[in-house]
Amino acid sequence: MRDFRRLWTADMISLLGDWSGRLALTVLVLERTGSPGWAASVTAVSLAGFVGIGQLLATLGDRFGRVSVMIAADIARAALFLAMLVHMPVGAMLLLAFLAGLATPPFEAARSAALVDIVPEHRYGDALALSGVSIQGSVVAGNALGGGLLVLVGARGALTVNALSFLVSAVLIYQLRHTPASSPAGEHRSVAGSLRAGAGNLFGDRMVRRAILLISVTGALGTVAEALVVPYASEMGLSRGLVGVLAASVAVGTIAGTLLIARSSDHHALLRSAGLCTVLASGAALPLFWFEVRGLGVFAGFAIAGGIFAVSIPTNIVIGTRLLRETRASAMGIAVGVLMGSQALGAAVGGVAASVFSPSRAIAGALVLAATYGAWSVVTTPVEAKHLAGRRRVIGEPTRSEPDVVIDLDEQVQVLDLDARGSRKRPPKRTSASVS
């Protein structure tokens, strides 16, 4: 697992820098413009690259070596954040943030594919769980680090640290050049062919479609609070040193929700628990924002609202275990593009609403919509048809000797296999395992 540790460390270092850098850029924009809408646009432009051209770039994870793609993306992001140190108009800074965001889809798609390449099949569940928790931990640490850097070295110093973090990540990933992750995928497709195969893999299954809808809608509405952290802190009269702590509260809530959310080997139950999580988190946080509770209530509101993002655990299990490996990078690139695009839209609309009304009212409105959608999702959770769940391999499909995905749930190993259309087959008899 040494190679996994290198990949994990590189990802964590770049994420820590990225979150602290985004916070610093938001502060710079707010100071220059005084507008909550412009401040929220930092999150919007950072995520907008996942839509459209982001999907095209994500296919590089299937067409070229994963290591080369990740290194190129890291170097590009480092150069763009260093360029932000030059004094320029706010619009130019946002353009650079958008271009830096374009390098993230190919990096994430390549990283997801590389994870499968370098982690043994029976440890894939462990690696996936550790990565998920670590990402949220990096959000907490990154925002806290960003708040500290704002006080110690200022916003431009925080941007410099972010650029250097990408260079350190590239050095670590370079050490994976002798692993299977450095080789291109076995089957070479055109960009259009990769997108078609990935989309067919992703949207040909109604359970996966519902999972994507859940994570996208809740992600968009939950991002409103995340994008308005700085303006809300200003509205509540918090000092600059507490901005990072407030931003980190969102990830703290997400981690808590991740630990508490129900788990099951049944995909219907997983999707239902995601809907319930949305209802409970948004409903509990709503009064704190609507009545503009101050003091510790400010931090509690963001922490509880952050629990909405815990829906990523059950929805990602559904998505990941039902995707064919051959087109997984392209399919994940499309899925992440849909998710990030929805979050960018949520941040942009939330910024406009905050400018028209106030940050507290904009966040409260988003939580009302989230609770309403979560309740609808629970009531309409799809049930997988028995004839689809038990269907045998399609005639003419190549036989595979190994399972597509191994994932640990409730201390058991469930081996799932998928047919050419992405539908779930009946799993073989489960055996006890000590994988945690």
Protein backbone atom coordinates (compact mmCIF):
# COMPACT_ATOMS: atom_id res chain seq x y z
CA MET A 1 0.00 0.00 0.00
CA ARG A 2 3.04 2.30 -0.21
CA ASP A 3 1.91 3.64 -3.58
CA PHE A 4 -1.54 4.35 -2.18
CA ARG A 5 0.02 6.31 0.68
CA ARG A 6 1.92 8.44 -1.84
CA LEU A 7 -1.24 9.12 -3.85
CA TRP A 8 -3.22 9.84 -0.70
CA THR A 9 -0.55 12.18 0.69
CA ALA A 10 -0.29 14.08 -2.59
CA ASP A 11 -4.06 14.50 -2.73
CA MET A 12 -4.26 15.69 0.89
CA ILE A 13 -1.46 18.25 0.47
CA SER A 14 -3.00 19.75 -2.66
CA LEU A 15 -6.46 19.81 -1.04
CA LEU A 16 -5.14 21.59 2.05
CA GLY A 17 -3.56 24.23 -0.12
CA ASP A 18 -6.57 24.50 -2.40
CA TRP A 19 -9.08 25.14 0.39
CA SER A 20 -6.86 27.68 2.13
CA GLY A 21 -6.17 29.37 -1.22
CA ARG A 22 -9.87 29.55 -2.12
CA LEU A 23 -10.64 31.15 1.24
CA ALA A 24 -7.85 33.67 0.71
CA LEU A 25 -9.10 34.51 -2.79
CA THR A 26 -12.63 35.00 -1.44
CA VAL A 27 -11.32 37.45 1.16
CA LEU A 28 -9.37 39.36 -1.50
CA VAL A 29 -12.41 39.65 -3.75
CA LEU A 30 -14.68 40.75 -0.89
CA GLU A 31 -12.16 43.39 0.21
CA ARG A 32 -11.80 44.71 -3.34
CA THR A 33 -15.53 44.78 -4.18
CA GLY A 34 -17.44 44.74 -0.89
CA SER A 35 -20.03 42.53 -2.61
CA PRO A 36 -21.24 39.15 -1.25
CA GLY A 37 -22.19 38.20 -4.81
CA TRP A 38 -18.65 38.70 -6.08
CA ALA A 39 -17.27 36.82 -3.07
CA ALA A 40 -19.55 33.83 -3.74
CA SER A 41 -18.47 33.88 -7.39
CA VAL A 42 -15.04 32.58 -6.32
CA THR A 43 -16.64 29.24 -5.46
CA ALA A 44 -18.77 29.35 -8.59
CA VAL A 45 -15.90 29.90 -11.03
CA SER A 46 -13.72 27.36 -9.22
CA LEU A 47 -16.35 24.68 -9.83
CA ALA A 48 -17.62 25.84 -13.23
CA GLY A 49 -14.74 24.10 -15.01
CA PHE A 50 -16.38 20.75 -14.28
CA VAL A 51 -19.17 21.57 -16.72
CA GLY A 52 -18.71 21.02 -20.45
CA ILE A 53 -15.00 21.21 -21.18
CA GLY A 54 -14.33 19.54 -17.84
CA GLN A 55 -15.94 16.33 -19.11
CA LEU A 56 -13.75 16.41 -22.22
CA LEU A 57 -10.63 16.81 -20.12
CA ALA A 58 -11.73 14.07 -17.72
CA THR A 59 -11.54 11.48 -20.51
CA LEU A 60 -7.76 11.92 -20.44
CA GLY A 61 -7.84 9.64 -17.41
CA ASP A 62 -8.84 6.74 -19.68
CA ARG A 63 -6.79 7.71 -22.71
CA PHE A 64 -3.38 8.50 -21.18
CA GLY A 65 -1.29 7.50 -18.21
CA ARG A 66 -2.91 8.58 -14.97
CA VAL A 67 0.40 9.73 -13.48
CA SER A 68 1.22 12.05 -16.41
CA VAL A 69 -2.25 13.60 -16.33
CA MET A 70 -2.10 14.29 -12.58
CA ILE A 71 1.38 15.83 -12.76
CA ALA A 72 0.39 18.09 -15.65
CA ALA A 73 -2.73 19.22 -13.78
CA ASP A 74 -0.74 20.02 -10.62
CA ILE A 75 1.86 22.07 -12.49
CA ALA A 76 -0.85 24.02 -14.31
CA ARG A 77 -2.67 24.85 -11.07
CA ALA A 78 0.55 25.93 -9.35
CA ALA A 79 1.39 28.32 -12.20
CA LEU A 80 -2.09 29.84 -12.26
CA PHE A 81 -2.23 30.50 -8.51
CA LEU A 82 1.23 32.05 -8.60
CA ALA A 83 -0.02 34.35 -11.38
CA MET A 84 -2.74 35.62 -9.02
CA LEU A 85 -0.03 37.27 -6.92
CA VAL A 86 0.33 39.92 -9.62
CA HIS A 87 -1.96 42.91 -9.00
CA MET A 88 -4.85 42.71 -11.49
CA PRO A 89 -8.57 43.47 -11.78
CA VAL A 90 -11.01 41.20 -9.93
CA GLY A 91 -12.33 39.85 -13.22
CA ALA A 92 -8.85 38.70 -14.23
CA MET A 93 -8.36 36.96 -10.89
CA LEU A 94 -11.64 35.11 -11.32
CA LEU A 95 -10.59 34.08 -14.83
CA LEU A 96 -7.39 32.58 -13.45
CA ALA A 97 -9.44 30.77 -10.78
CA PHE A 98 -11.66 29.37 -13.54
CA LEU A 99 -8.65 28.17 -15.54
CA ALA A 100 -7.19 26.55 -12.42
CA GLY A 101 -10.53 24.84 -11.91
CA LEU A 102 -10.29 23.36 -15.41
CA ALA A 103 -7.26 21.34 -14.31
CA THR A 104 -9.20 19.66 -11.51
CA PRO A 105 -11.54 17.37 -13.56
CA PRO A 106 -8.71 15.51 -15.34
CA PHE A 107 -6.79 15.28 -12.06
CA GLU A 108 -9.74 13.82 -10.14
CA ALA A 109 -10.69 11.41 -12.92
CA ALA A 110 -7.09 10.21 -13.19
CA ARG A 111 -6.81 9.89 -9.41
CA SER A 112 -9.98 7.79 -9.21
CA ALA A 113 -8.71 5.50 -11.95
CA ALA A 114 -5.24 5.33 -10.40
CA LEU A 115 -6.74 4.27 -7.09
CA VAL A 116 -8.10 1.12 -8.72
CA ASP A 117 -4.77 0.55 -10.47
CA ILE A 118 -2.55 0.64 -7.38
CA VAL A 119 -4.81 -0.72 -4.61
CA PRO A 120 -5.39 -4.49 -4.33
CA GLU A 121 -8.98 -5.51 -5.03
CA HIS A 122 -9.65 -6.67 -1.48
CA ARG A 123 -8.43 -3.35 -0.02
CA TYR A 124 -10.33 -1.07 -2.39
CA GLY A 125 -13.17 -0.55 0.10
CA ASP A 126 -10.69 0.53 2.78
CA ALA A 127 -8.96 2.96 0.43
CA LEU A 128 -12.26 4.46 -0.73
CA ALA A 129 -13.50 4.99 2.82
CA LEU A 130 -10.21 6.51 3.97
CA SER A 131 -10.13 8.87 1.01
CA GLY A 132 -13.67 10.04 1.64
CA VAL A 133 -13.12 10.81 5.32
CA SER A 134 -9.72 12.37 4.61
CA ILE A 135 -11.17 14.72 2.02
CA GLN A 136 -13.61 16.12 4.56
CA GLY A 137 -10.82 16.32 7.11
CA SER A 138 -8.76 18.30 4.63
CA VAL A 139 -11.65 20.76 4.28
CA VAL A 140 -11.61 21.32 8.04
CA ALA A 141 -7.83 21.61 8.22
CA GLY A 142 -7.59 23.59 4.98
CA ASN A 143 -10.06 26.24 6.08
CA ALA A 144 -8.52 26.43 9.54
CA LEU A 145 -5.09 26.71 7.91
CA GLY A 146 -6.43 29.37 5.56
CA GLY A 147 -7.78 31.40 8.48
CA GLY A 148 -4.42 31.17 10.24
CA LEU A 149 -2.51 32.13 7.11
CA LEU A 150 -4.77 35.14 6.59
CA VAL A 151 -3.73 36.40 10.00
CA LEU A 152 -0.03 35.47 9.73
CA VAL A 153 0.92 36.14 6.11
CA GLY A 154 -2.18 37.69 4.55
CA ALA A 155 -4.28 36.58 1.59
CA ARG A 156 -1.42 36.71 -0.93
CA GLY A 157 0.77 34.59 1.32
CA ALA A 158 -2.02 32.00 1.50
CA LEU A 159 -2.20 31.93 -2.31
CA THR A 160 1.55 31.28 -2.43
CA VAL A 161 1.22 28.35 -0.04
CA ASN A 162 -1.54 26.95 -2.24
CA ALA A 163 0.66 27.10 -5.35
CA LEU A 164 3.53 25.37 -3.54
CA SER A 165 1.20 22.61 -2.33
CA PHE A 166 0.48 21.64 -5.95
CA LEU A 167 4.20 21.40 -6.69
CA VAL A 168 4.74 19.12 -3.69
CA SER A 169 1.83 16.98 -4.87
CA ALA A 170 3.40 16.67 -8.34
CA VAL A 171 6.70 15.48 -6.83
CA LEU A 172 4.94 12.76 -4.84
CA ILE A 173 2.87 11.60 -7.80
CA TYR A 174 6.02 11.42 -9.95
CA GLN A 175 7.14 8.57 -7.70
CA LEU A 176 4.23 6.49 -9.07
CA ARG A 177 5.69 6.50 -12.59
CA HIS A 178 6.68 2.80 -12.33
CA THR A 179 3.22 1.62 -11.26
CA PRO A 180 0.34 0.41 -13.48
CA ALA A 181 -1.19 3.87 -12.98
CA SER A 182 1.40 5.32 -15.36
CA SER A 183 0.14 3.27 -18.32
CA PRO A 184 -2.79 4.30 -20.54
CA ALA A 185 -6.02 2.32 -20.38
CA GLY A 186 -6.05 -0.84 -22.44
CA GLU A 187 -8.68 0.29 -24.95
CA HIS A 188 -8.04 3.55 -26.80
CA ARG A 189 -11.15 5.56 -27.64
CA SER A 190 -11.71 8.97 -29.10
CA VAL A 191 -12.91 11.72 -26.77
CA ALA A 192 -16.44 11.36 -28.14
CA GLY A 193 -16.29 7.59 -27.81
CA SER A 194 -15.08 7.81 -24.22
CA LEU A 195 -17.87 10.24 -23.36
CA ARG A 196 -20.53 8.04 -24.99
CA ALA A 197 -19.30 4.92 -23.22
CA GLY A 198 -19.06 6.72 -19.89
CA ALA A 199 -22.50 8.30 -20.23
CA GLY A 200 -24.06 4.97 -21.17
CA ASN A 201 -22.39 3.38 -18.17
CA LEU A 202 -23.61 6.15 -15.90
CA PHE A 203 -27.17 6.91 -17.00
CA GLY A 204 -28.30 3.44 -18.10
CA ASP A 205 -29.28 2.48 -14.56
CA ARG A 206 -32.18 4.16 -12.76
CA MET A 207 -30.66 3.60 -9.30
CA VAL A 208 -27.51 5.40 -10.42
CA ARG A 209 -29.60 8.17 -11.96
CA ARG A 210 -31.41 8.75 -8.67
CA ALA A 211 -28.10 8.73 -6.78
CA ILE A 212 -26.69 11.38 -9.12
CA LEU A 213 -29.84 13.49 -8.78
CA LEU A 214 -29.68 13.26 -5.00
CA ILE A 215 -26.06 14.23 -4.66
CA SER A 216 -26.39 17.01 -7.26
CA VAL A 217 -29.47 18.74 -5.84
CA THR A 218 -28.32 18.51 -2.23
CA GLY A 219 -24.84 19.58 -3.30
CA ALA A 220 -26.17 22.67 -5.05
CA LEU A 221 -28.34 23.74 -2.12
CA GLY A 222 -25.72 22.88 0.50
CA THR A 223 -23.07 24.87 -1.35
CA VAL A 224 -25.06 28.08 -0.86
CA ALA A 225 -24.05 28.13 2.81
CA GLU A 226 -20.48 27.12 2.00
CA ALA A 227 -20.10 29.88 -0.61
CA LEU A 228 -21.50 32.53 1.73
CA VAL A 229 -19.26 31.81 4.72
CA VAL A 230 -17.25 35.03 4.39
CA PRO A 231 -20.25 37.36 3.76
CA TYR A 232 -22.20 35.68 6.56
CA ALA A 233 -19.29 36.06 8.96
CA SER A 234 -19.20 39.76 8.06
CA GLU A 235 -22.95 40.04 8.60
CA MET A 236 -22.62 38.42 12.05
CA GLY A 237 -19.64 40.61 12.96
CA LEU A 238 -17.07 37.79 13.27
CA SER A 239 -13.36 38.66 13.18
CA ARG A 240 -11.17 37.58 10.25
CA GLY A 241 -9.40 35.03 12.44
CA LEU A 242 -12.69 33.14 12.96
CA VAL A 243 -13.60 32.97 9.27
CA GLY A 244 -11.52 29.84 8.75
CA VAL A 245 -13.07 28.19 11.82
CA LEU A 246 -16.55 29.00 10.53
CA ALA A 247 -15.74 27.56 7.11
CA ALA A 248 -14.29 24.44 8.75
CA SER A 249 -17.55 23.96 10.67
CA VAL A 250 -19.21 22.82 7.44
CA ALA A 251 -16.76 19.94 7.04
CA VAL A 252 -17.03 19.05 10.73
CA GLY A 253 -20.76 18.58 10.21
CA THR A 254 -20.11 16.51 7.11
CA ILE A 255 -17.76 14.19 8.99
CA ALA A 256 -20.31 13.80 11.79
CA GLY A 257 -23.03 13.03 9.27
CA THR A 258 -20.76 10.52 7.54
CA LEU A 259 -20.28 8.64 10.80
CA LEU A 260 -23.98 8.68 11.66
CA ILE A 261 -25.63 8.03 8.31
CA ALA A 262 -27.23 4.59 7.93
CA ARG A 263 -25.40 1.97 5.88
CA SER A 264 -26.82 -1.02 4.09
CA SER A 265 -25.98 -3.48 1.35
CA ASP A 266 -29.34 -2.67 -0.23
CA HIS A 267 -29.23 0.20 -2.73
CA HIS A 268 -32.84 1.18 -2.07
CA ALA A 269 -32.02 1.60 1.62
CA LEU A 270 -28.90 3.61 0.79
CA LEU A 271 -30.82 6.07 -1.38
CA ARG A 272 -33.54 6.36 1.24
CA SER A 273 -31.00 7.13 3.98
CA ALA A 274 -29.53 9.86 1.76
CA GLY A 275 -32.92 11.51 1.47
CA LEU A 276 -33.51 11.28 5.23
CA CYS A 277 -30.10 12.82 5.86
CA THR A 278 -31.06 15.80 3.69
CA VAL A 279 -34.33 16.34 5.54
CA LEU A 280 -32.82 16.10 9.02
CA ALA A 281 -29.72 18.24 8.40
CA SER A 282 -31.46 21.04 6.51
CA GLY A 283 -34.49 21.05 8.82
CA ALA A 284 -32.34 21.29 11.95
CA ALA A 285 -30.11 24.06 10.58
CA LEU A 286 -32.92 26.19 9.15
CA PRO A 287 -34.05 27.94 12.39
CA LEU A 288 -30.49 29.00 13.23
CA PHE A 289 -30.15 30.90 9.95
CA TRP A 290 -33.73 32.15 9.72
CA PHE A 291 -33.60 33.74 13.19
CA GLU A 292 -29.94 34.79 12.73
CA VAL A 293 -28.78 33.17 15.95
CA ARG A 294 -25.44 34.63 16.99
CA GLY A 295 -22.54 33.42 19.11
CA LEU A 296 -22.01 29.66 19.05
CA GLY A 297 -25.22 29.38 17.07
CA VAL A 298 -23.37 30.73 14.01
CA PHE A 299 -20.92 27.83 14.09
CA ALA A 300 -23.62 25.31 14.97
CA GLY A 301 -25.71 26.39 12.00
CA PHE A 302 -22.91 25.78 9.51
CA ALA A 303 -21.93 22.50 11.16
CA ILE A 304 -25.48 21.13 11.04
CA ALA A 305 -25.95 22.35 7.46
CA GLY A 306 -22.71 20.58 6.55
CA GLY A 307 -24.38 17.29 7.42
CA ILE A 308 -26.22 17.55 4.10
CA PHE A 309 -23.02 16.59 2.28
CA ALA A 310 -22.97 13.22 4.07
CA VAL A 311 -25.34 12.01 1.33
CA SER A 312 -22.18 11.48 -0.73
CA ILE A 313 -21.44 8.26 1.20
CA PRO A 314 -24.56 6.22 0.30
CA THR A 315 -24.89 7.76 -3.15
CA ASN A 316 -21.23 7.12 -4.05
CA ILE A 317 -21.55 3.51 -2.92
CA VAL A 318 -24.49 3.08 -5.27
CA ILE A 319 -22.70 4.81 -8.15
CA GLY A 320 -19.27 3.26 -7.67
CA THR A 321 -20.44 -0.34 -7.29
CA ARG A 322 -22.59 -0.21 -10.42
CA LEU A 323 -20.06 1.23 -12.90
CA LEU A 324 -18.11 -0.88 -15.36
CA ARG A 325 -14.39 -0.62 -14.76
CA GLU A 326 -13.51 -0.17 -18.46
CA THR A 327 -15.15 3.25 -18.62
CA ARG A 328 -15.08 4.20 -14.95
CA ALA A 329 -12.80 7.24 -15.31
CA SER A 330 -14.97 8.78 -18.04
CA ALA A 331 -18.18 7.94 -16.17
CA MET A 332 -16.84 9.40 -12.93
CA GLY A 333 -15.66 12.47 -14.80
CA ILE A 334 -19.20 13.03 -16.06
CA ALA A 335 -20.69 12.37 -12.62
CA VAL A 336 -18.28 14.74 -10.90
CA GLY A 337 -18.97 17.31 -13.62
CA VAL A 338 -22.70 17.12 -12.95
CA LEU A 339 -22.07 17.45 -9.21
CA MET A 340 -19.61 20.32 -9.45
CA GLY A 341 -21.71 22.09 -12.06
CA SER A 342 -24.71 21.95 -9.75
CA GLN A 343 -22.60 23.31 -6.90
CA ALA A 344 -21.31 26.13 -9.08
CA LEU A 345 -24.90 26.99 -10.00
CA GLY A 346 -25.90 26.88 -6.34
CA ALA A 347 -23.04 29.19 -5.36
CA ALA A 348 -23.88 31.66 -8.14
CA VAL A 349 -27.61 31.77 -7.40
CA GLY A 350 -26.90 31.94 -3.68
CA GLY A 351 -24.60 34.92 -4.24
CA VAL A 352 -27.30 36.76 -6.18
CA ALA A 353 -29.88 35.99 -3.49
CA ALA A 354 -27.50 37.22 -0.78
CA SER A 355 -26.99 40.50 -2.65
CA VAL A 356 -30.74 41.02 -3.10
CA PHE A 357 -31.80 39.92 0.39
CA SER A 358 -29.03 38.97 2.84
CA PRO A 359 -26.62 36.05 3.35
CA SER A 360 -28.74 34.64 6.19
CA ARG A 361 -31.95 34.74 4.13
CA ALA A 362 -30.23 33.19 1.10
CA ILE A 363 -28.94 30.26 3.17
CA ALA A 364 -32.30 29.79 4.89
CA GLY A 365 -34.09 29.68 1.53
CA ALA A 366 -31.69 27.04 0.24
CA LEU A 367 -32.31 24.91 3.35
CA VAL A 368 -36.08 25.10 2.85
CA LEU A 369 -35.66 23.80 -0.70
CA ALA A 370 -33.27 21.07 0.50
CA ALA A 371 -35.70 19.83 3.15
CA THR A 372 -38.54 19.79 0.62
CA TYR A 373 -36.51 17.88 -1.96
CA GLY A 374 -35.23 15.42 0.65
CA ALA A 375 -38.79 14.60 1.73
CA TRP A 376 -39.82 14.02 -1.90
CA SER A 377 -36.81 11.80 -2.46
CA VAL A 378 -37.63 9.60 0.54
CA VAL A 379 -41.21 9.10 -0.63
CA THR A 380 -40.22 8.29 -4.23
CA THR A 381 -37.08 6.19 -3.63
CA PRO A 382 -36.89 3.68 -6.50
CA VAL A 383 -36.95 -0.07 -5.87
CA GLU A 384 -34.80 -2.29 -8.03
CA ALA A 385 -36.87 -4.75 -10.06
CA LYS A 386 -36.23 -8.39 -9.14
CA HIS A 387 -35.88 -9.48 -12.75
CA LEU A 388 -33.10 -6.90 -13.19
CA ALA A 389 -31.37 -7.74 -9.93
CA GLY A 390 -31.18 -11.43 -10.79
CA ARG A 391 -30.54 -11.22 -14.51
CA ARG A 392 -27.70 -13.33 -15.87
CA ARG A 393 -24.83 -12.07 -18.04
CA VAL A 394 -25.90 -10.79 -21.43
CA ILE A 395 -25.17 -13.32 -24.19
CA GLY A 396 -21.97 -12.44 -25.99
CA GLU A 397 -20.50 -10.39 -23.14
CA PRO A 398 -16.85 -11.28 -22.49
CA THR A 399 -16.34 -13.36 -19.39
CA ARG A 400 -14.37 -11.75 -16.57
CA SER A 401 -12.58 -13.86 -14.02
CA GLU A 402 -12.44 -11.18 -11.35
CA PRO A 403 -15.22 -9.12 -9.69
CA ASP A 404 -15.76 -5.57 -10.80
CA VAL A 405 -15.75 -4.02 -7.35
CA VAL A 406 -15.19 -5.24 -3.83
CA ILE A 407 -16.61 -3.01 -1.13
CA ASP A 408 -16.97 -3.53 2.60
CA LEU A 409 -20.34 -3.00 4.24
CA ASP A 410 -21.14 -4.11 7.82
CA GLU A 411 -17.93 -6.15 8.05
CA GLN A 412 -18.83 -8.34 5.09
CA VAL A 413 -17.49 -8.46 1.57
CA GLN A 414 -20.10 -8.10 -1.12
CA VAL A 415 -18.95 -8.87 -4.63
CA LEU A 416 -20.94 -7.03 -7.24
CA ASP A 417 -20.79 -7.55 -10.97
CA LEU A 418 -22.44 -5.57 -13.72
CA ASP A 419 -23.72 -6.41 -17.13
CA ALA A 420 -23.03 -4.38 -20.25
CA ARG A 421 -25.92 -2.00 -19.47
CA GLY A 422 -24.72 -1.31 -15.93
CA SER A 423 -27.52 -3.26 -14.19
CA ARG A 424 -26.76 -5.08 -10.98
CA LYS A 425 -26.46 -8.87 -10.92
CA ARG A 426 -27.24 -11.16 -8.04
CA PRO A 427 -24.18 -11.24 -5.76
CA PRO A 428 -22.58 -14.55 -4.85
CA LYS A 429 -22.75 -15.86 -1.31
CA ARG A 430 -21.13 -13.42 1.09
CA THR A 431 -18.38 -14.45 3.43
CA SER A 432 -17.16 -12.87 6.64
CA ALA A 433 -14.14 -10.63 6.38
CA SER A 434 -12.03 -8.58 8.73
CA VAL A 435 -11.81 -5.58 6.40
CA SER A 436 -12.81 -2.47 8.31
